C-alpha cells in the first residue's frame, strides 16, 4: 500500500475515532449548506435537534464566509468568500459543532471578550441581549448576533481556542455542544 493511501486511511480512522460525522474545508456555498441540512436530517433521529444543529452550523458557516482572513473566489457567488473548516462530532448524548478559520490577530481580543461576556449570561439575559443587539444599527455585516444565537440555541457556553500564526494572523476555533435530548 502506498504511503499516500495509508495516510488517507489513517485520516479516515482518526475521524471515526473522534466521532466525526461531517467535515468540510474550503469556501462555503448555499449548495454545501443544503447538502449538510439533508445529511443532518438523515443522521439525527430528532427533527428539533437536527433543526437546532443546522441553525448553529449555518451561523458557523456565515462566520467563516464573512470573517475569515483567508478568501477564495467563488464562481457560484461571483465574489470572494471566506475559507475555513467545519466539523460535527456525534456522541451518544450530544453533538459538538466546531469551526475554524484564519483571522487578523488584532481582532482576537474583541472576539474573546464577546465570547467571555456571552458565557456569563443566563438564558434570560441571553434572550434580552439578543433582542437588544438585533435592534442596534449595524456598521457592516450582520448585527453581531451569531455568537449570541449559538449560545441561546445550544444552551451551552461557547468554547474557543486561538492559535497565533504570526504577527498578523491567528487561527480562531469555536466549538458548541448541542444536547440530543429535548430540554
C-alpha atoms as a PDB file:
ATOM      1  CA  UNK A   1       0.000   0.000   0.000  1.00  0.00           C
ATOM      2  CA  UNK A   2       1.379   3.414  -0.903  1.00  0.00           C
ATOM      3  CA  UNK A   3       2.197   5.934   1.800  1.00  0.00           C
ATOM      4  CA  UNK A   4      -0.467   8.299   0.413  1.00  0.00           C
ATOM      5  CA  UNK A   5      -3.210   5.677   0.769  1.00  0.00           C
ATOM      6  CA  UNK A   6      -2.007   4.774   4.246  1.00  0.00           C
ATOM      7  CA  UNK A   7      -2.134   8.441   5.272  1.00  0.00           C
ATOM      8  CA  UNK A   8      -5.670   8.795   3.939  1.00  0.00           C
ATOM      9  CA  UNK A   9      -6.655   5.567   5.696  1.00  0.00           C
ATOM     10  CA  UNK A  10      -5.188   6.889   8.962  1.00  0.00           C
ATOM     11  CA  UNK A  11      -7.108  10.135   8.472  1.00  0.00           C
ATOM     12  CA  UNK A  12     -10.322   8.154   7.907  1.00  0.00           C
ATOM     13  CA  UNK A  13      -9.715   6.102  11.074  1.00  0.00           C
ATOM     14  CA  UNK A  14      -8.898   9.217  13.105  1.00  0.00           C
ATOM     15  CA  UNK A  15     -12.197  10.766  12.002  1.00  0.00           C
ATOM     16  CA  UNK A  16     -14.069   7.606  13.051  1.00  0.00           C
ATOM     17  CA  UNK A  17     -12.279   7.521  16.415  1.00  0.00           C
ATOM     18  CA  UNK A  18     -13.189  11.166  17.037  1.00  0.00           C
ATOM     19  CA  UNK A  19     -16.854  10.506  16.131  1.00  0.00           C
ATOM     20  CA  UNK A  20     -16.702  12.973  13.214  1.00  0.00           C
ATOM     21  CA  UNK A  21     -19.809  12.625  11.054  1.00  0.00           C
ATOM     22  CA  UNK A  22     -19.213  15.651   8.857  1.00  0.00           C
ATOM     23  CA  UNK A  23     -16.205  17.711   7.932  1.00  0.00           C
ATOM     24  CA  UNK A  24     -15.716  20.394   5.338  1.00  0.00           C
ATOM     25  CA  UNK A  25     -12.753  22.597   4.438  1.00  0.00           C
ATOM     26  CA  UNK A  26     -12.984  25.319   1.824  1.00  0.00           C
ATOM     27  CA  UNK A  27     -15.305  28.134   0.788  1.00  0.00           C
ATOM     28  CA  UNK A  28     -18.901  27.984   1.940  1.00  0.00           C
ATOM     29  CA  UNK A  29     -21.805  27.976  -0.538  1.00  0.00           C
ATOM     30  CA  UNK A  30     -25.590  27.601  -0.425  1.00  0.00           C
ATOM     31  CA  UNK A  31     -25.239  24.178  -2.035  1.00  0.00           C
ATOM     32  CA  UNK A  32     -22.993  22.980   0.770  1.00  0.00           C
ATOM     33  CA  UNK A  33     -25.416  24.274   3.387  1.00  0.00           C
ATOM     34  CA  UNK A  34     -28.319  22.487   1.671  1.00  0.00           C
ATOM     35  CA  UNK A  35     -26.370  19.218   1.496  1.00  0.00           C
ATOM     36  CA  UNK A  36     -25.467  19.485   5.180  1.00  0.00           C
ATOM     37  CA  UNK A  37     -29.113  20.038   6.095  1.00  0.00           C
ATOM     38  CA  UNK A  38     -30.119  16.861   4.270  1.00  0.00           C
ATOM     39  CA  UNK A  39     -27.252  14.930   5.831  1.00  0.00           C
ATOM     40  CA  UNK A  40     -28.093  16.079   9.358  1.00  0.00           C
ATOM     41  CA  UNK A  41     -31.759  15.138   8.998  1.00  0.00           C
ATOM     42  CA  UNK A  42     -30.797  11.637   7.899  1.00  0.00           C
ATOM     43  CA  UNK A  43     -28.170  11.149  10.642  1.00  0.00           C
ATOM     44  CA  UNK A  44     -30.092  12.542  13.601  1.00  0.00           C
ATOM     45  CA  UNK A  45     -33.276  10.981  14.905  1.00  0.00           C
ATOM     46  CA  UNK A  46     -34.811  14.153  16.297  1.00  0.00           C
ATOM     47  CA  UNK A  47     -36.152  16.816  13.937  1.00  0.00           C
ATOM     48  CA  UNK A  48     -35.757  19.551  16.571  1.00  0.00           C
ATOM     49  CA  UNK A  49     -32.135  18.547  17.278  1.00  0.00           C
ATOM     50  CA  UNK A  50     -31.293  18.470  13.560  1.00  0.00           C
ATOM     51  CA  UNK A  51     -33.022  21.851  13.093  1.00  0.00           C
ATOM     52  CA  UNK A  52     -31.112  23.392  16.030  1.00  0.00           C
ATOM     53  CA  UNK A  53     -27.864  21.790  14.849  1.00  0.00           C
ATOM     54  CA  UNK A  54     -28.357  23.047  11.302  1.00  0.00           C
ATOM     55  CA  UNK A  55     -29.073  26.591  12.556  1.00  0.00           C
ATOM     56  CA  UNK A  56     -25.823  26.569  14.540  1.00  0.00           C
ATOM     57  CA  UNK A  57     -23.970  25.084  11.564  1.00  0.00           C
ATOM     58  CA  UNK A  58     -25.260  27.946   9.394  1.00  0.00           C
ATOM     59  CA  UNK A  59     -24.028  30.528  11.934  1.00  0.00           C
ATOM     60  CA  UNK A  60     -20.577  28.905  11.986  1.00  0.00           C
ATOM     61  CA  UNK A  61     -20.524  28.860   8.179  1.00  0.00           C
ATOM     62  CA  UNK A  62     -21.581  32.512   7.971  1.00  0.00           C
ATOM     63  CA  UNK A  63     -18.823  33.493  10.390  1.00  0.00           C
ATOM     64  CA  UNK A  64     -16.297  31.827   8.088  1.00  0.00           C
ATOM     65  CA  UNK A  65     -17.873  33.265   4.962  1.00  0.00           C
ATOM     66  CA  UNK A  66     -17.843  36.844   6.250  1.00  0.00           C
ATOM     67  CA  UNK A  67     -14.932  36.998   8.702  1.00  0.00           C
ATOM     68  CA  UNK A  68     -12.192  34.616   7.563  1.00  0.00           C
ATOM     69  CA  UNK A  69      -8.969  36.409   6.691  1.00  0.00           C
ATOM     70  CA  UNK A  70      -8.340  33.768   4.023  1.00  0.00           C
ATOM     71  CA  UNK A  71     -10.515  34.354   0.952  1.00  0.00           C
ATOM     72  CA  UNK A  72     -11.039  32.465  -2.280  1.00  0.00           C
ATOM     73  CA  UNK A  73     -13.026  33.412  -5.336  1.00  0.00           C
ATOM     74  CA  UNK A  74     -16.394  31.664  -5.508  1.00  0.00           C
ATOM     75  CA  UNK A  75     -17.553  31.210  -9.100  1.00  0.00           C
ATOM     76  CA  UNK A  76     -21.058  30.446  -7.803  1.00  0.00           C
ATOM     77  CA  UNK A  77     -21.278  33.711  -5.882  1.00  0.00           C
ATOM     78  CA  UNK A  78     -19.172  35.724  -8.317  1.00  0.00           C
ATOM     79  CA  UNK A  79     -17.114  37.160  -5.455  1.00  0.00           C
ATOM     80  CA  UNK A  80     -14.639  36.168  -2.801  1.00  0.00           C
ATOM     81  CA  UNK A  81     -15.756  34.144   0.198  1.00  0.00           C
ATOM     82  CA  UNK A  82     -14.073  33.134   3.423  1.00  0.00           C
ATOM     83  CA  UNK A  83     -12.255  29.832   3.748  1.00  0.00           C
ATOM     84  CA  UNK A  84     -12.345  27.677   6.852  1.00  0.00           C
ATOM     85  CA  UNK A  85     -13.112  24.302   8.307  1.00  0.00           C
ATOM     86  CA  UNK A  86     -16.278  22.989   9.953  1.00  0.00           C
ATOM     87  CA  UNK A  87     -16.861  19.646  11.583  1.00  0.00           C
ATOM     88  CA  UNK A  88     -19.570  17.880  13.520  1.00  0.00           C
ATOM     89  CA  UNK A  89     -18.836  15.187  16.088  1.00  0.00           C
ATOM     90  CA  UNK A  90     -21.623  12.798  17.080  1.00  0.00           C
ATOM     91  CA  UNK A  91     -21.539  11.352  20.601  1.00  0.00           C
ATOM     92  CA  UNK A  92     -24.261   9.333  22.324  1.00  0.00           C
ATOM     93  CA  UNK A  93     -25.864  12.254  24.216  1.00  0.00           C
ATOM     94  CA  UNK A  94     -24.618  15.318  22.348  1.00  0.00           C
ATOM     95  CA  UNK A  95     -23.044  16.775  19.233  1.00  0.00           C
ATOM     96  CA  UNK A  96     -20.103  19.123  19.047  1.00  0.00           C
ATOM     97  CA  UNK A  97     -20.059  21.594  16.179  1.00  0.00           C
ATOM     98  CA  UNK A  98     -16.723  23.266  15.523  1.00  0.00           C
ATOM     99  CA  UNK A  99     -15.379  25.764  13.050  1.00  0.00           C
ATOM    100  CA  UNK A 100     -12.030  27.353  12.466  1.00  0.00           C
ATOM    101  CA  UNK A 101     -10.542  29.984  10.215  1.00  0.00           C
ATOM    102  CA  UNK A 102      -7.749  32.479   9.921  1.00  0.00           C
ATOM    103  CA  UNK A 103      -8.469  35.878  11.406  1.00  0.00           C
ATOM    104  CA  UNK A 104      -6.497  39.076  11.676  1.00  0.00           C
ATOM    105  CA  UNK A 105      -4.733  38.988  15.038  1.00  0.00           C
ATOM    106  CA  UNK A 106      -5.886  42.483  16.022  1.00  0.00           C
ATOM    107  CA  UNK A 107      -9.499  41.204  16.072  1.00  0.00           C
ATOM    108  CA  UNK A 108      -8.870  38.369  18.525  1.00  0.00           C
ATOM    109  CA  UNK A 109      -9.182  40.345  21.757  1.00  0.00           C
ATOM    110  CA  UNK A 110     -12.631  41.663  20.795  1.00  0.00           C
ATOM    111  CA  UNK A 111     -13.903  38.199  19.841  1.00  0.00           C
ATOM    112  CA  UNK A 112     -12.589  36.682  23.059  1.00  0.00           C
ATOM    113  CA  UNK A 113     -14.266  39.425  25.098  1.00  0.00           C
ATOM    114  CA  UNK A 114     -17.610  38.822  23.321  1.00  0.00           C
ATOM    115  CA  UNK A 115     -17.389  35.061  23.880  1.00  0.00           C
ATOM    116  CA  UNK A 116     -16.500  35.501  27.557  1.00  0.00           C
ATOM    117  CA  UNK A 117     -19.319  38.009  28.085  1.00  0.00           C
ATOM    118  CA  UNK A 118     -21.873  35.772  26.372  1.00  0.00           C
ATOM    119  CA  UNK A 119     -20.728  32.848  28.526  1.00  0.00           C
ATOM    120  CA  UNK A 120     -21.536  34.812  31.708  1.00  0.00           C
ATOM    121  CA  UNK A 121     -25.191  35.378  30.759  1.00  0.00           C
ATOM    122  CA  UNK A 122     -28.171  33.348  31.961  1.00  0.00           C
ATOM    123  CA  UNK A 123     -30.718  32.141  29.373  1.00  0.00           C
ATOM    124  CA  UNK A 124     -32.984  35.127  30.158  1.00  0.00           C
ATOM    125  CA  UNK A 125     -30.070  37.557  29.927  1.00  0.00           C
ATOM    126  CA  UNK A 126     -29.015  35.963  26.618  1.00  0.00           C
ATOM    127  CA  UNK A 127     -32.514  36.452  25.210  1.00  0.00           C
ATOM    128  CA  UNK A 128     -32.553  40.084  26.341  1.00  0.00           C
ATOM    129  CA  UNK A 129     -29.049  40.739  24.967  1.00  0.00           C
ATOM    130  CA  UNK A 130     -30.024  39.086  21.655  1.00  0.00           C
ATOM    131  CA  UNK A 131     -33.077  41.337  21.291  1.00  0.00           C
ATOM    132  CA  UNK A 132     -31.050  44.433  22.202  1.00  0.00           C
ATOM    133  CA  UNK A 133     -28.375  43.581  19.617  1.00  0.00           C
ATOM    134  CA  UNK A 134     -30.995  42.949  16.908  1.00  0.00           C
ATOM    135  CA  UNK A 135     -32.298  46.486  17.366  1.00  0.00           C
ATOM    136  CA  UNK A 136     -28.863  48.085  17.008  1.00  0.00           C
ATOM    137  CA  UNK A 137     -27.929  49.572  13.651  1.00  0.00           C
ATOM    138  CA  UNK A 138     -25.137  47.588  12.028  1.00  0.00           C
ATOM    139  CA  UNK A 139     -21.989  49.125  10.641  1.00  0.00           C
ATOM    140  CA  UNK A 140     -21.298  46.160   8.398  1.00  0.00           C
ATOM    141  CA  UNK A 141     -22.224  42.511   8.073  1.00  0.00           C
ATOM    142  CA  UNK A 142     -24.977  41.262  10.369  1.00  0.00           C
ATOM    143  CA  UNK A 143     -25.986  42.514  13.767  1.00  0.00           C
ATOM    144  CA  UNK A 144     -23.230  40.661  15.654  1.00  0.00           C
ATOM    145  CA  UNK A 145     -25.812  38.223  16.976  1.00  0.00           C
ATOM    146  CA  UNK A 146     -24.389  34.952  15.625  1.00  0.00           C
ATOM    147  CA  UNK A 147     -22.418  34.124  18.771  1.00  0.00           C
ATOM    148  CA  UNK A 148     -25.367  35.030  20.970  1.00  0.00           C
ATOM    149  CA  UNK A 149     -27.736  32.946  18.855  1.00  0.00           C
ATOM    150  CA  UNK A 150     -25.479  29.876  19.010  1.00  0.00           C
ATOM    151  CA  UNK A 151     -25.240  30.107  22.800  1.00  0.00           C
ATOM    152  CA  UNK A 152     -29.030  30.554  23.069  1.00  0.00           C
ATOM    153  CA  UNK A 153     -29.857  27.631  20.800  1.00  0.00           C
ATOM    154  CA  UNK A 154     -27.354  25.237  22.354  1.00  0.00           C
ATOM    155  CA  UNK A 155     -27.879  26.209  25.993  1.00  0.00           C
ATOM    156  CA  UNK A 156     -24.117  25.741  26.445  1.00  0.00           C
ATOM    157  CA  UNK A 157     -21.105  28.037  26.658  1.00  0.00           C
ATOM    158  CA  UNK A 158     -19.057  28.962  23.619  1.00  0.00           C
ATOM    159  CA  UNK A 159     -15.692  27.228  23.677  1.00  0.00           C
ATOM    160  CA  UNK A 160     -12.893  28.780  21.689  1.00  0.00           C
ATOM    161  CA  UNK A 161      -9.201  28.477  21.049  1.00  0.00           C
ATOM    162  CA  UNK A 162      -6.765  30.873  19.419  1.00  0.00           C
ATOM    163  CA  UNK A 163      -3.508  29.782  17.813  1.00  0.00           C
ATOM    164  CA  UNK A 164      -1.174  32.585  16.816  1.00  0.00           C
ATOM    165  CA  UNK A 165       0.194  32.005  13.302  1.00  0.00           C
ATOM    166  CA  UNK A 166       2.370  35.114  13.000  1.00  0.00           C
ATOM    167  CA  UNK A 167       2.177  38.787  13.955  1.00  0.00           C
ATOM    168  CA  UNK A 168      -0.696  39.377  11.518  1.00  0.00           C
ATOM    169  CA  UNK A 169      -2.822  36.245  11.654  1.00  0.00           C
ATOM    170  CA  UNK A 170      -4.230  33.792  14.147  1.00  0.00           C
ATOM    171  CA  UNK A 171      -6.385  30.706  13.778  1.00  0.00           C
ATOM    172  CA  UNK A 172      -9.686  31.042  15.638  1.00  0.00           C
ATOM    173  CA  UNK A 173     -11.552  27.831  16.526  1.00  0.00           C
ATOM    174  CA  UNK A 174     -15.058  27.858  18.009  1.00  0.00           C
ATOM    175  CA  UNK A 175     -16.973  24.855  19.382  1.00  0.00           C
ATOM    176  CA  UNK A 176     -20.545  24.492  20.590  1.00  0.00           C
ATOM    177  CA  UNK A 177     -22.030  21.471  22.350  1.00  0.00           C
ATOM    178  CA  UNK A 178     -25.631  20.567  21.472  1.00  0.00           C
ATOM    179  CA  UNK A 179     -27.582  18.089  23.590  1.00  0.00           C
ATOM    180  CA  UNK A 180     -29.527  15.409  21.717  1.00  0.00           C
ATOM    181  CA  UNK A 181     -32.154  15.357  24.437  1.00  0.00           C
ATOM    182  CA  UNK A 182     -35.005  17.823  24.412  1.00  0.00           C
ATOM    183  CA  UNK A 183     -34.840  20.317  27.260  1.00  0.00           C
END
